[in-house]
N, C-alpha and C. Protein backbone atom coordinates (compact mmCIF):
# COMPACT_ATOMS: atom_id res chain seq x y z
N MET A 1 0.82 -1.20 0.00
CA MET A 1 0.00 0.00 0.00
C MET A 1 0.86 1.26 0.00
N VAL A 2 2.07 1.13 -0.50
CA VAL A 2 2.95 2.29 -0.47
C VAL A 2 3.71 2.40 -1.77
N ALA A 3 4.28 3.52 -2.00
CA ALA A 3 5.08 3.70 -3.20
C ALA A 3 6.37 4.41 -2.87
N LEU A 4 7.33 4.12 -3.66
CA LEU A 4 8.62 4.78 -3.47
C LEU A 4 8.76 6.04 -4.32
N THR A 5 10.36 6.06 -4.21
CA THR A 5 11.29 6.47 -5.23
C THR A 5 12.35 6.08 -5.49
N SER A 6 15.42 4.46 -4.06
CA SER A 6 16.09 4.91 -4.89
C SER A 6 16.17 5.01 -4.66
N ALA A 7 16.08 4.63 -5.13
CA ALA A 7 16.52 5.23 -4.74
C ALA A 7 16.74 5.28 -4.05
N LEU A 8 15.02 5.44 -5.20
CA LEU A 8 15.73 5.30 -4.78
C LEU A 8 15.67 6.05 -4.44
N ILE A 9 16.42 5.76 -3.40
CA ILE A 9 16.41 6.25 -3.19
C ILE A 9 16.09 7.26 -2.60
N PHE A 10 15.46 7.45 -2.44
CA PHE A 10 15.18 8.45 -1.63
C PHE A 10 14.77 9.57 -2.02
N ALA A 11 11.32 13.43 -3.80
CA ALA A 11 11.69 14.35 -4.87
C ALA A 11 10.48 15.13 -5.34
N LEU A 12 10.64 16.38 -5.67
CA LEU A 12 9.58 17.18 -6.27
C LEU A 12 9.67 17.03 -7.78
N LEU A 13 8.54 16.70 -8.43
CA LEU A 13 8.57 16.52 -9.87
C LEU A 13 8.91 17.84 -10.57
N ALA A 14 9.85 17.77 -11.48
CA ALA A 14 10.23 18.98 -12.21
C ALA A 14 9.13 19.36 -13.18
N GLY A 15 8.96 20.65 -13.36
CA GLY A 15 7.90 21.11 -14.25
C GLY A 15 8.28 21.00 -15.72
N THR A 16 9.56 20.88 -16.00
CA THR A 16 10.00 20.76 -17.40
C THR A 16 10.87 19.54 -17.54
N SER A 17 11.09 19.13 -18.77
CA SER A 17 11.89 17.95 -19.03
C SER A 17 13.33 18.19 -18.62
N VAL A 18 13.96 17.15 -18.13
CA VAL A 18 15.36 17.21 -17.71
C VAL A 18 16.19 16.40 -18.68
N VAL A 19 17.11 17.05 -19.35
CA VAL A 19 17.97 16.36 -20.33
C VAL A 19 19.37 16.29 -19.76
N PRO A 20 19.88 15.07 -19.44
CA PRO A 20 21.21 14.98 -18.86
C PRO A 20 22.25 15.63 -19.74
N ALA A 21 23.12 16.40 -19.10
CA ALA A 21 24.19 17.06 -19.84
C ALA A 21 25.24 16.05 -20.25
N THR A 22 26.00 16.40 -21.28
CA THR A 22 27.06 15.53 -21.77
C THR A 22 28.41 16.03 -21.28
N PRO A 23 29.22 15.16 -20.63
CA PRO A 23 30.52 15.60 -20.15
C PRO A 23 31.41 16.05 -21.31
N PRO A 24 32.34 16.98 -21.06
CA PRO A 24 33.28 17.39 -22.10
C PRO A 24 34.01 16.19 -22.67
N PRO A 25 34.20 16.13 -23.98
CA PRO A 25 34.78 14.94 -24.60
C PRO A 25 36.21 14.66 -24.16
N ASP A 26 36.95 15.71 -23.68
CA ASP A 26 38.32 15.46 -23.29
C ASP A 26 38.46 15.31 -21.77
N SER A 27 37.33 15.16 -21.07
CA SER A 27 37.40 15.04 -19.62
C SER A 27 37.87 13.64 -19.23
N SER A 28 38.53 13.56 -18.07
CA SER A 28 38.86 12.27 -17.50
C SER A 28 37.86 11.97 -16.40
N ALA A 29 37.71 10.71 -16.02
CA ALA A 29 36.67 10.36 -15.05
C ALA A 29 37.16 9.28 -14.11
N ARG A 30 36.57 9.31 -12.90
CA ARG A 30 36.80 8.26 -11.93
C ARG A 30 35.45 7.80 -11.42
N THR A 31 35.32 6.53 -11.14
CA THR A 31 34.04 5.99 -10.71
C THR A 31 34.18 5.27 -9.38
N GLY A 32 33.09 5.23 -8.64
CA GLY A 32 33.03 4.48 -7.40
C GLY A 32 31.68 3.80 -7.30
N SER A 33 31.67 2.60 -6.74
CA SER A 33 30.43 1.85 -6.58
C SER A 33 29.91 2.01 -5.16
N SER A 34 28.60 1.90 -5.02
CA SER A 34 28.01 1.97 -3.69
C SER A 34 28.33 0.70 -2.92
N ASP A 35 28.40 0.83 -1.61
CA ASP A 35 28.53 -0.32 -0.72
C ASP A 35 27.11 -0.77 -0.39
N ALA A 36 26.65 -1.81 -1.08
CA ALA A 36 25.25 -2.22 -0.96
C ALA A 36 24.86 -2.60 0.47
N ALA A 37 25.81 -3.10 1.23
CA ALA A 37 25.51 -3.50 2.61
C ALA A 37 25.22 -2.30 3.50
N LYS A 38 25.66 -1.11 3.08
CA LYS A 38 25.49 0.09 3.90
C LYS A 38 24.60 1.14 3.23
N SER A 39 24.03 0.80 2.09
CA SER A 39 23.23 1.77 1.33
C SER A 39 21.78 1.30 1.24
N GLN A 40 20.87 2.24 1.36
CA GLN A 40 19.46 1.88 1.32
C GLN A 40 18.60 3.09 0.97
N ALA A 41 17.35 2.81 0.61
CA ALA A 41 16.36 3.86 0.37
C ALA A 41 15.16 3.59 1.26
N GLN A 42 14.75 4.60 2.00
CA GLN A 42 13.58 4.49 2.87
C GLN A 42 12.50 5.42 2.35
N PHE A 43 11.25 5.06 2.59
CA PHE A 43 10.15 5.92 2.18
C PHE A 43 9.05 5.93 3.23
N SER A 44 8.26 6.97 3.20
CA SER A 44 7.14 7.12 4.12
C SER A 44 5.99 7.77 3.39
N VAL A 45 4.78 7.26 3.59
CA VAL A 45 3.59 7.84 2.98
C VAL A 45 2.50 7.92 4.05
N ARG A 46 1.82 9.05 4.11
CA ARG A 46 0.79 9.23 5.13
C ARG A 46 -0.43 8.36 4.83
N LYS A 47 -0.94 7.71 5.88
CA LYS A 47 -2.13 6.86 5.77
C LYS A 47 -3.25 7.51 6.57
N PHE A 48 -4.38 7.75 5.92
CA PHE A 48 -5.45 8.53 6.51
C PHE A 48 -4.89 9.90 6.93
N LEU A 49 -5.11 10.35 8.17
CA LEU A 49 -4.68 11.70 8.54
C LEU A 49 -3.37 11.73 9.32
N PHE A 50 -3.15 10.75 10.18
CA PHE A 50 -2.02 10.86 11.09
C PHE A 50 -1.00 9.72 10.98
N ALA A 51 -1.47 8.53 10.64
CA ALA A 51 -0.56 7.39 10.59
C ALA A 51 0.32 7.46 9.35
N HIS A 52 1.46 6.78 9.41
CA HIS A 52 2.37 6.69 8.27
C HIS A 52 2.72 5.24 8.01
N VAL A 53 2.86 4.90 6.74
CA VAL A 53 3.34 3.59 6.34
C VAL A 53 4.76 3.77 5.83
N ARG A 54 5.66 2.92 6.32
CA ARG A 54 7.08 3.08 5.96
C ARG A 54 7.63 1.77 5.41
N GLY A 55 8.64 1.91 4.57
CA GLY A 55 9.31 0.74 4.02
C GLY A 55 10.75 1.06 3.70
N THR A 56 11.52 0.01 3.50
CA THR A 56 12.95 0.16 3.20
C THR A 56 13.34 -0.75 2.05
N PHE A 57 14.10 -0.20 1.12
CA PHE A 57 14.74 -0.99 0.08
C PHE A 57 16.22 -1.08 0.44
N PRO A 58 16.66 -2.19 1.01
CA PRO A 58 18.08 -2.34 1.35
C PRO A 58 18.89 -2.68 0.10
N GLY A 59 20.19 -2.65 0.25
CA GLY A 59 21.06 -3.10 -0.85
C GLY A 59 21.01 -2.21 -2.06
N LEU A 60 20.88 -0.90 -1.86
CA LEU A 60 20.92 0.01 -3.01
C LEU A 60 22.25 -0.14 -3.74
N SER A 61 22.19 -0.32 -5.05
CA SER A 61 23.41 -0.45 -5.84
C SER A 61 23.49 0.71 -6.83
N GLY A 62 24.70 1.15 -7.09
CA GLY A 62 24.86 2.25 -8.03
C GLY A 62 26.30 2.68 -8.14
N THR A 63 26.51 3.75 -8.89
CA THR A 63 27.85 4.27 -9.10
C THR A 63 27.83 5.79 -9.03
N LEU A 64 28.96 6.34 -8.65
CA LEU A 64 29.20 7.78 -8.75
C LEU A 64 30.36 7.97 -9.70
N ARG A 65 30.16 8.79 -10.71
CA ARG A 65 31.19 9.06 -11.71
C ARG A 65 31.68 10.48 -11.52
N ARG A 66 32.93 10.63 -11.18
CA ARG A 66 33.54 11.95 -11.03
C ARG A 66 34.10 12.38 -12.37
N ILE A 67 33.71 13.56 -12.81
CA ILE A 67 34.12 14.08 -14.11
C ILE A 67 35.09 15.23 -13.89
N ASP A 68 36.35 15.03 -14.25
CA ASP A 68 37.35 16.08 -14.13
C ASP A 68 37.32 16.93 -15.39
N THR A 69 36.86 18.15 -15.27
CA THR A 69 36.69 19.01 -16.45
C THR A 69 37.94 19.82 -16.78
N HIS A 70 38.91 19.83 -15.86
CA HIS A 70 40.16 20.56 -16.06
C HIS A 70 39.97 22.08 -16.12
N ILE A 71 38.82 22.55 -15.66
CA ILE A 71 38.59 24.00 -15.66
C ILE A 71 38.22 24.48 -14.26
N GLY A 72 38.52 23.67 -13.25
CA GLY A 72 38.29 24.08 -11.87
C GLY A 72 36.85 23.95 -11.41
N ALA A 73 36.03 23.23 -12.15
CA ALA A 73 34.63 23.05 -11.77
C ALA A 73 34.24 21.61 -12.03
N ASP A 74 34.86 20.69 -11.30
CA ASP A 74 34.62 19.27 -11.52
C ASP A 74 33.15 18.93 -11.25
N LEU A 75 32.67 17.92 -11.97
CA LEU A 75 31.28 17.49 -11.86
C LEU A 75 31.21 16.05 -11.38
N ALA A 76 30.02 15.64 -10.98
CA ALA A 76 29.76 14.25 -10.63
C ALA A 76 28.43 13.84 -11.23
N GLN A 77 28.27 12.56 -11.43
CA GLN A 77 27.04 12.01 -11.98
C GLN A 77 26.79 10.68 -11.30
N VAL A 78 25.55 10.42 -10.87
CA VAL A 78 25.26 9.19 -10.15
C VAL A 78 24.13 8.42 -10.80
N ASP A 79 24.15 7.12 -10.60
CA ASP A 79 23.00 6.28 -10.93
C ASP A 79 22.76 5.34 -9.76
N ALA A 80 21.53 4.96 -9.55
CA ALA A 80 21.17 4.08 -8.43
C ALA A 80 20.06 3.14 -8.87
N THR A 81 20.14 1.90 -8.40
CA THR A 81 19.16 0.87 -8.76
C THR A 81 18.68 0.15 -7.50
N LEU A 82 17.37 -0.09 -7.44
CA LEU A 82 16.76 -0.79 -6.31
C LEU A 82 16.04 -2.03 -6.82
N ASP A 83 16.15 -3.12 -6.07
CA ASP A 83 15.43 -4.35 -6.35
C ASP A 83 14.08 -4.28 -5.65
N VAL A 84 13.00 -4.16 -6.42
CA VAL A 84 11.67 -3.98 -5.83
C VAL A 84 11.30 -5.14 -4.92
N ALA A 85 11.64 -6.36 -5.30
CA ALA A 85 11.29 -7.54 -4.49
C ALA A 85 11.99 -7.54 -3.14
N GLY A 86 13.03 -6.72 -2.98
CA GLY A 86 13.75 -6.67 -1.71
C GLY A 86 13.08 -5.79 -0.68
N LEU A 87 11.93 -5.21 -0.99
CA LEU A 87 11.21 -4.32 -0.08
C LEU A 87 11.01 -4.96 1.29
N GLU A 88 11.33 -4.18 2.33
CA GLU A 88 11.12 -4.62 3.71
C GLU A 88 10.09 -3.72 4.37
N MET A 89 9.07 -4.34 5.00
CA MET A 89 8.05 -3.61 5.74
C MET A 89 7.69 -4.41 6.99
N THR A 90 7.26 -3.72 8.03
CA THR A 90 6.95 -4.43 9.28
C THR A 90 5.66 -5.22 9.17
N ASP A 91 4.74 -4.79 8.34
CA ASP A 91 3.46 -5.47 8.18
C ASP A 91 3.47 -6.31 6.90
N ALA A 92 3.27 -7.61 7.04
CA ALA A 92 3.34 -8.52 5.89
C ALA A 92 2.25 -8.24 4.87
N ASP A 93 1.06 -7.84 5.34
CA ASP A 93 -0.03 -7.54 4.41
C ASP A 93 0.27 -6.29 3.60
N ASP A 94 0.80 -5.28 4.28
CA ASP A 94 1.18 -4.06 3.56
C ASP A 94 2.22 -4.37 2.48
N ARG A 95 3.18 -5.21 2.82
CA ARG A 95 4.23 -5.55 1.86
C ARG A 95 3.63 -6.28 0.65
N ALA A 96 2.71 -7.21 0.91
CA ALA A 96 2.10 -7.97 -0.18
C ALA A 96 1.31 -7.04 -1.10
N HIS A 97 0.58 -6.08 -0.52
CA HIS A 97 -0.18 -5.13 -1.34
C HIS A 97 0.77 -4.23 -2.14
N ALA A 98 1.85 -3.80 -1.50
CA ALA A 98 2.79 -2.90 -2.17
C ALA A 98 3.47 -3.56 -3.37
N LEU A 99 3.77 -4.84 -3.25
CA LEU A 99 4.45 -5.55 -4.34
C LEU A 99 3.49 -6.08 -5.40
N GLY A 100 2.18 -6.01 -5.12
CA GLY A 100 1.18 -6.57 -6.02
C GLY A 100 0.92 -5.73 -7.25
N ALA A 101 0.03 -6.25 -8.10
CA ALA A 101 -0.24 -5.64 -9.41
C ALA A 101 -0.83 -4.25 -9.31
N ASN A 102 -1.49 -3.92 -8.20
CA ASN A 102 -2.11 -2.61 -8.07
C ASN A 102 -1.15 -1.51 -7.61
N PHE A 103 0.11 -1.90 -7.33
CA PHE A 103 1.03 -0.88 -6.87
C PHE A 103 2.37 -1.00 -7.59
N PHE A 104 3.42 -1.48 -6.89
CA PHE A 104 4.71 -1.58 -7.56
C PHE A 104 4.69 -2.57 -8.71
N ASP A 105 3.87 -3.62 -8.57
CA ASP A 105 3.83 -4.68 -9.57
C ASP A 105 5.24 -5.23 -9.83
N ALA A 106 5.81 -5.78 -8.75
CA ALA A 106 7.20 -6.24 -8.80
C ALA A 106 7.44 -7.30 -9.87
N ALA A 107 6.42 -8.09 -10.19
CA ALA A 107 6.59 -9.13 -11.19
C ALA A 107 6.84 -8.53 -12.58
N GLN A 108 6.19 -7.40 -12.86
CA GLN A 108 6.34 -6.79 -14.18
C GLN A 108 7.41 -5.70 -14.20
N PHE A 109 7.60 -5.04 -13.08
CA PHE A 109 8.58 -3.95 -13.00
C PHE A 109 9.51 -4.18 -11.82
N PRO A 110 10.49 -5.07 -11.98
CA PRO A 110 11.30 -5.51 -10.84
C PRO A 110 12.37 -4.54 -10.38
N VAL A 111 12.59 -3.44 -11.12
CA VAL A 111 13.70 -2.54 -10.79
C VAL A 111 13.22 -1.09 -10.77
N ILE A 112 13.73 -0.33 -9.80
CA ILE A 112 13.56 1.12 -9.76
C ILE A 112 14.94 1.72 -10.01
N ARG A 113 15.01 2.75 -10.87
CA ARG A 113 16.32 3.29 -11.22
C ARG A 113 16.28 4.82 -11.26
N PHE A 114 17.37 5.42 -10.80
CA PHE A 114 17.53 6.86 -10.88
C PHE A 114 18.84 7.17 -11.58
N ASP A 115 18.80 8.08 -12.55
CA ASP A 115 19.99 8.54 -13.27
C ASP A 115 20.06 10.06 -13.15
N SER A 116 21.11 10.55 -12.51
CA SER A 116 21.21 11.98 -12.28
C SER A 116 21.81 12.71 -13.47
N ASP A 117 21.54 14.00 -13.53
CA ASP A 117 22.29 14.90 -14.40
C ASP A 117 23.64 15.16 -13.72
N PRO A 118 24.64 15.60 -14.46
CA PRO A 118 25.88 16.04 -13.82
C PRO A 118 25.60 17.21 -12.87
N PHE A 119 26.30 17.22 -11.73
CA PHE A 119 26.13 18.29 -10.75
C PHE A 119 27.49 18.65 -10.19
N PRO A 120 27.65 19.85 -9.63
CA PRO A 120 28.96 20.26 -9.10
C PRO A 120 29.45 19.31 -8.01
N LEU A 121 30.67 18.85 -8.15
CA LEU A 121 31.21 17.87 -7.20
C LEU A 121 31.24 18.42 -5.78
N ASP A 122 31.48 19.72 -5.63
CA ASP A 122 31.58 20.27 -4.28
C ASP A 122 30.25 20.26 -3.53
N GLU A 123 29.14 20.01 -4.24
CA GLU A 123 27.84 19.92 -3.56
C GLU A 123 27.71 18.65 -2.74
N LEU A 124 28.61 17.67 -2.96
CA LEU A 124 28.63 16.51 -2.07
C LEU A 124 29.00 16.92 -0.66
N ALA A 125 29.74 18.01 -0.52
CA ALA A 125 30.12 18.53 0.80
C ALA A 125 29.12 19.56 1.29
N SER A 126 28.75 20.51 0.43
CA SER A 126 27.94 21.64 0.85
C SER A 126 26.44 21.39 0.79
N GLY A 127 26.04 20.37 0.03
CA GLY A 127 24.62 20.16 -0.23
C GLY A 127 24.20 20.90 -1.49
N GLY A 128 23.06 20.53 -2.03
CA GLY A 128 22.60 21.18 -3.25
C GLY A 128 21.39 20.46 -3.84
N THR A 129 21.18 20.69 -5.10
CA THR A 129 20.03 20.12 -5.81
C THR A 129 20.50 19.01 -6.74
N LEU A 130 19.77 17.91 -6.71
CA LEU A 130 20.12 16.76 -7.54
C LEU A 130 18.96 16.48 -8.49
N ARG A 131 19.18 16.79 -9.76
CA ARG A 131 18.15 16.56 -10.77
C ARG A 131 18.46 15.29 -11.56
N GLY A 132 17.43 14.66 -12.07
CA GLY A 132 17.64 13.47 -12.87
C GLY A 132 16.35 12.84 -13.31
N LEU A 133 16.45 11.60 -13.79
CA LEU A 133 15.29 10.85 -14.28
C LEU A 133 15.06 9.62 -13.41
N LEU A 134 13.84 9.48 -12.96
CA LEU A 134 13.44 8.34 -12.13
C LEU A 134 12.59 7.38 -12.96
N THR A 135 13.00 6.11 -12.98
CA THR A 135 12.22 5.07 -13.65
C THR A 135 11.53 4.24 -12.58
N LEU A 136 10.21 4.25 -12.59
CA LEU A 136 9.41 3.58 -11.56
C LEU A 136 8.11 3.11 -12.18
N HIS A 137 7.77 1.85 -11.91
CA HIS A 137 6.50 1.30 -12.38
C HIS A 137 6.35 1.43 -13.90
N GLY A 138 7.48 1.28 -14.60
CA GLY A 138 7.45 1.31 -16.05
C GLY A 138 7.37 2.69 -16.65
N GLU A 139 7.43 3.74 -15.83
CA GLU A 139 7.40 5.12 -16.33
C GLU A 139 8.69 5.83 -15.93
N ARG A 140 9.05 6.82 -16.74
CA ARG A 140 10.31 7.53 -16.52
C ARG A 140 10.04 9.03 -16.57
N HIS A 141 10.32 9.71 -15.44
CA HIS A 141 10.00 11.13 -15.35
C HIS A 141 11.12 11.89 -14.64
N PRO A 142 11.25 13.20 -14.95
CA PRO A 142 12.23 14.02 -14.24
C PRO A 142 11.81 14.26 -12.80
N VAL A 143 12.79 14.27 -11.90
CA VAL A 143 12.56 14.59 -10.50
C VAL A 143 13.66 15.53 -10.02
N ILE A 144 13.37 16.22 -8.93
CA ILE A 144 14.36 17.08 -8.29
C ILE A 144 14.48 16.64 -6.84
N LEU A 145 15.67 16.27 -6.42
CA LEU A 145 15.94 15.81 -5.06
C LEU A 145 16.84 16.80 -4.35
N ALA A 146 16.90 16.70 -3.03
CA ALA A 146 17.78 17.55 -2.24
C ALA A 146 18.97 16.74 -1.75
N LEU A 147 20.16 17.18 -2.12
CA LEU A 147 21.40 16.56 -1.65
C LEU A 147 21.79 17.28 -0.36
N LEU A 148 21.80 16.56 0.77
CA LEU A 148 22.04 17.18 2.07
C LEU A 148 23.53 17.45 2.29
N PRO A 149 23.86 18.48 3.08
CA PRO A 149 25.27 18.74 3.41
C PRO A 149 25.90 17.53 4.10
N SER A 150 27.15 17.27 3.80
CA SER A 150 27.84 16.10 4.35
C SER A 150 28.19 16.31 5.82
N ASP A 151 28.19 15.21 6.57
CA ASP A 151 28.63 15.24 7.96
C ASP A 151 30.14 15.41 8.07
N CYS A 152 30.85 15.12 6.99
CA CYS A 152 32.30 15.31 6.98
C CYS A 152 32.68 16.04 5.69
N PRO A 153 32.48 17.36 5.65
CA PRO A 153 32.65 18.13 4.41
C PRO A 153 34.05 18.09 3.82
N ARG A 154 35.08 17.81 4.64
CA ARG A 154 36.43 17.76 4.09
C ARG A 154 36.67 16.49 3.28
N GLN A 155 35.94 15.43 3.61
CA GLN A 155 36.05 14.17 2.88
C GLN A 155 34.65 13.59 2.68
N PRO A 156 33.82 14.23 1.88
CA PRO A 156 32.41 13.82 1.77
C PRO A 156 32.20 12.40 1.25
N LEU A 157 33.14 11.89 0.45
CA LEU A 157 32.98 10.54 -0.07
C LEU A 157 33.24 9.48 0.98
N ALA A 158 33.84 9.88 2.11
CA ALA A 158 34.11 8.93 3.18
C ALA A 158 32.91 8.77 4.10
N CYS A 159 31.91 9.63 3.96
CA CYS A 159 30.73 9.58 4.82
C CYS A 159 29.49 9.21 4.00
N VAL A 160 28.43 8.93 4.71
CA VAL A 160 27.17 8.58 4.05
C VAL A 160 26.63 9.80 3.30
N ILE A 161 26.24 9.59 2.06
CA ILE A 161 25.61 10.63 1.25
C ILE A 161 24.10 10.55 1.47
N ARG A 162 23.50 11.66 1.87
CA ARG A 162 22.06 11.69 2.18
C ARG A 162 21.31 12.46 1.10
N VAL A 163 20.24 11.87 0.62
CA VAL A 163 19.39 12.50 -0.39
C VAL A 163 17.94 12.38 0.09
N ARG A 164 17.23 13.50 0.05
CA ARG A 164 15.82 13.50 0.45
C ARG A 164 14.96 14.17 -0.61
N GLY A 165 13.66 13.87 -0.58
CA GLY A 165 12.76 14.52 -1.51
C GLY A 165 11.37 13.95 -1.43
N THR A 166 10.53 14.41 -2.32
CA THR A 166 9.12 13.99 -2.37
C THR A 166 8.75 13.73 -3.83
N ILE A 167 8.01 12.67 -4.05
CA ILE A 167 7.46 12.41 -5.38
C ILE A 167 5.95 12.27 -5.29
N ALA A 168 5.28 12.49 -6.42
CA ALA A 168 3.85 12.24 -6.54
C ALA A 168 3.68 10.87 -7.18
N ARG A 169 3.20 9.91 -6.42
CA ARG A 169 3.13 8.54 -6.92
C ARG A 169 2.19 8.40 -8.12
N SER A 170 1.14 9.22 -8.17
CA SER A 170 0.21 9.14 -9.30
C SER A 170 0.88 9.47 -10.62
N SER A 171 1.96 10.25 -10.57
CA SER A 171 2.68 10.60 -11.81
C SER A 171 3.38 9.39 -12.42
N PHE A 172 3.53 8.33 -11.62
CA PHE A 172 4.16 7.10 -12.10
C PHE A 172 3.14 5.98 -12.26
N GLY A 173 1.88 6.35 -12.40
CA GLY A 173 0.83 5.35 -12.63
C GLY A 173 0.50 4.52 -11.42
N MET A 174 0.74 5.06 -10.21
CA MET A 174 0.49 4.33 -8.98
C MET A 174 -0.55 5.07 -8.15
N GLY A 175 -1.77 5.14 -8.68
CA GLY A 175 -2.81 5.94 -8.06
C GLY A 175 -3.79 5.17 -7.19
N ALA A 176 -3.52 3.90 -6.91
CA ALA A 176 -4.44 3.09 -6.11
C ALA A 176 -4.54 3.61 -4.68
N TRP A 177 -5.67 3.34 -4.05
CA TRP A 177 -5.93 3.66 -2.62
C TRP A 177 -5.78 5.16 -2.34
N ARG A 178 -6.29 5.98 -3.24
CA ARG A 178 -6.18 7.43 -3.03
C ARG A 178 -6.92 7.90 -1.79
N GLY A 179 -7.99 7.24 -1.43
CA GLY A 179 -8.73 7.63 -0.24
C GLY A 179 -8.05 7.20 1.05
N VAL A 180 -7.03 6.38 0.93
CA VAL A 180 -6.35 5.85 2.12
C VAL A 180 -4.95 6.42 2.25
N LEU A 181 -4.22 6.45 1.14
CA LEU A 181 -2.83 6.90 1.16
C LEU A 181 -2.67 8.25 0.48
N SER A 182 -1.77 9.06 1.01
CA SER A 182 -1.44 10.34 0.39
C SER A 182 -0.78 10.10 -0.96
N ASN A 183 -0.94 11.07 -1.85
CA ASN A 183 -0.26 10.98 -3.14
C ASN A 183 1.22 11.32 -3.02
N LYS A 184 1.61 12.01 -1.92
CA LYS A 184 2.99 12.41 -1.72
C LYS A 184 3.76 11.34 -0.96
N VAL A 185 4.91 11.00 -1.47
CA VAL A 185 5.77 10.00 -0.85
C VAL A 185 7.11 10.65 -0.48
N GLU A 186 7.46 10.59 0.80
CA GLU A 186 8.72 11.15 1.27
C GLU A 186 9.84 10.13 1.13
N LEU A 187 10.98 10.57 0.62
CA LEU A 187 12.11 9.68 0.36
C LEU A 187 13.32 10.07 1.20
N ASP A 188 14.08 9.07 1.59
CA ASP A 188 15.33 9.30 2.33
C ASP A 188 16.32 8.23 1.89
N LEU A 189 17.31 8.64 1.10
CA LEU A 189 18.34 7.71 0.60
C LEU A 189 19.63 7.91 1.38
N ARG A 190 20.25 6.81 1.74
CA ARG A 190 21.53 6.83 2.44
C ARG A 190 22.50 5.96 1.65
N ILE A 191 23.54 6.60 1.14
CA ILE A 191 24.43 5.92 0.19
C ILE A 191 25.87 5.99 0.70
N SER A 192 26.47 4.83 0.83
CA SER A 192 27.90 4.75 1.17
C SER A 192 28.66 4.28 -0.06
N LEU A 193 29.76 4.94 -0.35
CA LEU A 193 30.52 4.64 -1.56
C LEU A 193 31.85 3.96 -1.23
N ALA A 194 32.26 3.11 -2.16
CA ALA A 194 33.62 2.57 -2.09
C ALA A 194 34.57 3.63 -2.65
N GLU A 195 35.86 3.40 -2.51
CA GLU A 195 36.85 4.36 -2.98
C GLU A 195 36.76 4.53 -4.48
N LEU A 196 36.90 5.78 -4.93
CA LEU A 196 36.89 6.06 -6.36
C LEU A 196 38.11 5.46 -7.04
N ALA A 197 37.90 4.92 -8.22
CA ALA A 197 39.00 4.34 -9.00
C ALA A 197 39.07 5.01 -10.35
N ALA A 198 40.25 5.02 -10.95
CA ALA A 198 40.42 5.66 -12.25
C ALA A 198 39.66 4.90 -13.30
N SER A 199 39.07 5.63 -14.23
CA SER A 199 38.33 5.04 -15.34
C SER A 199 38.95 5.50 -16.64
N HIS A 200 39.14 4.58 -17.57
CA HIS A 200 39.79 4.92 -18.84
C HIS A 200 38.85 4.64 -19.99
């Protein structure tokens, strides 16, 4: 009876289309993979007026690509993938409804994916806006997420990366139980990365 985001994660729908930028052709890049054992996406959706239904997608997998532009404004780009069948919820009935054909439909749409646009690398420390495309329930739409300031700004890749936001589940064809569940879904993604390695 709930819907995500990834996220994944862990957005406000953008009013216009988001087209990922293309890195400079002569840029060099380094990539790092998420530590799935320490990365997850949590979500919460209001039920009736006061109660909330919550769930967790553990084992978030993805990569961060650092783009060295050689002009003093390095960029980063991330992707994240969630296994829908891995959904964890405290109530077994809620989980069964969430994975069923009227909601996530895990049998037909087994993966949730987020692909970000390039963003300033220093926002991993300071916080900022994370735009990209979210694929959920067979639909793909632009979203805007909030990248939270790092707990260790001097070495942001050594700490958990936090991303929060809100999505409208009806925009992804998940409009069931409107009288019971809010259309707004709150997301909270926690991502731990392995060390960046050179990419050629």
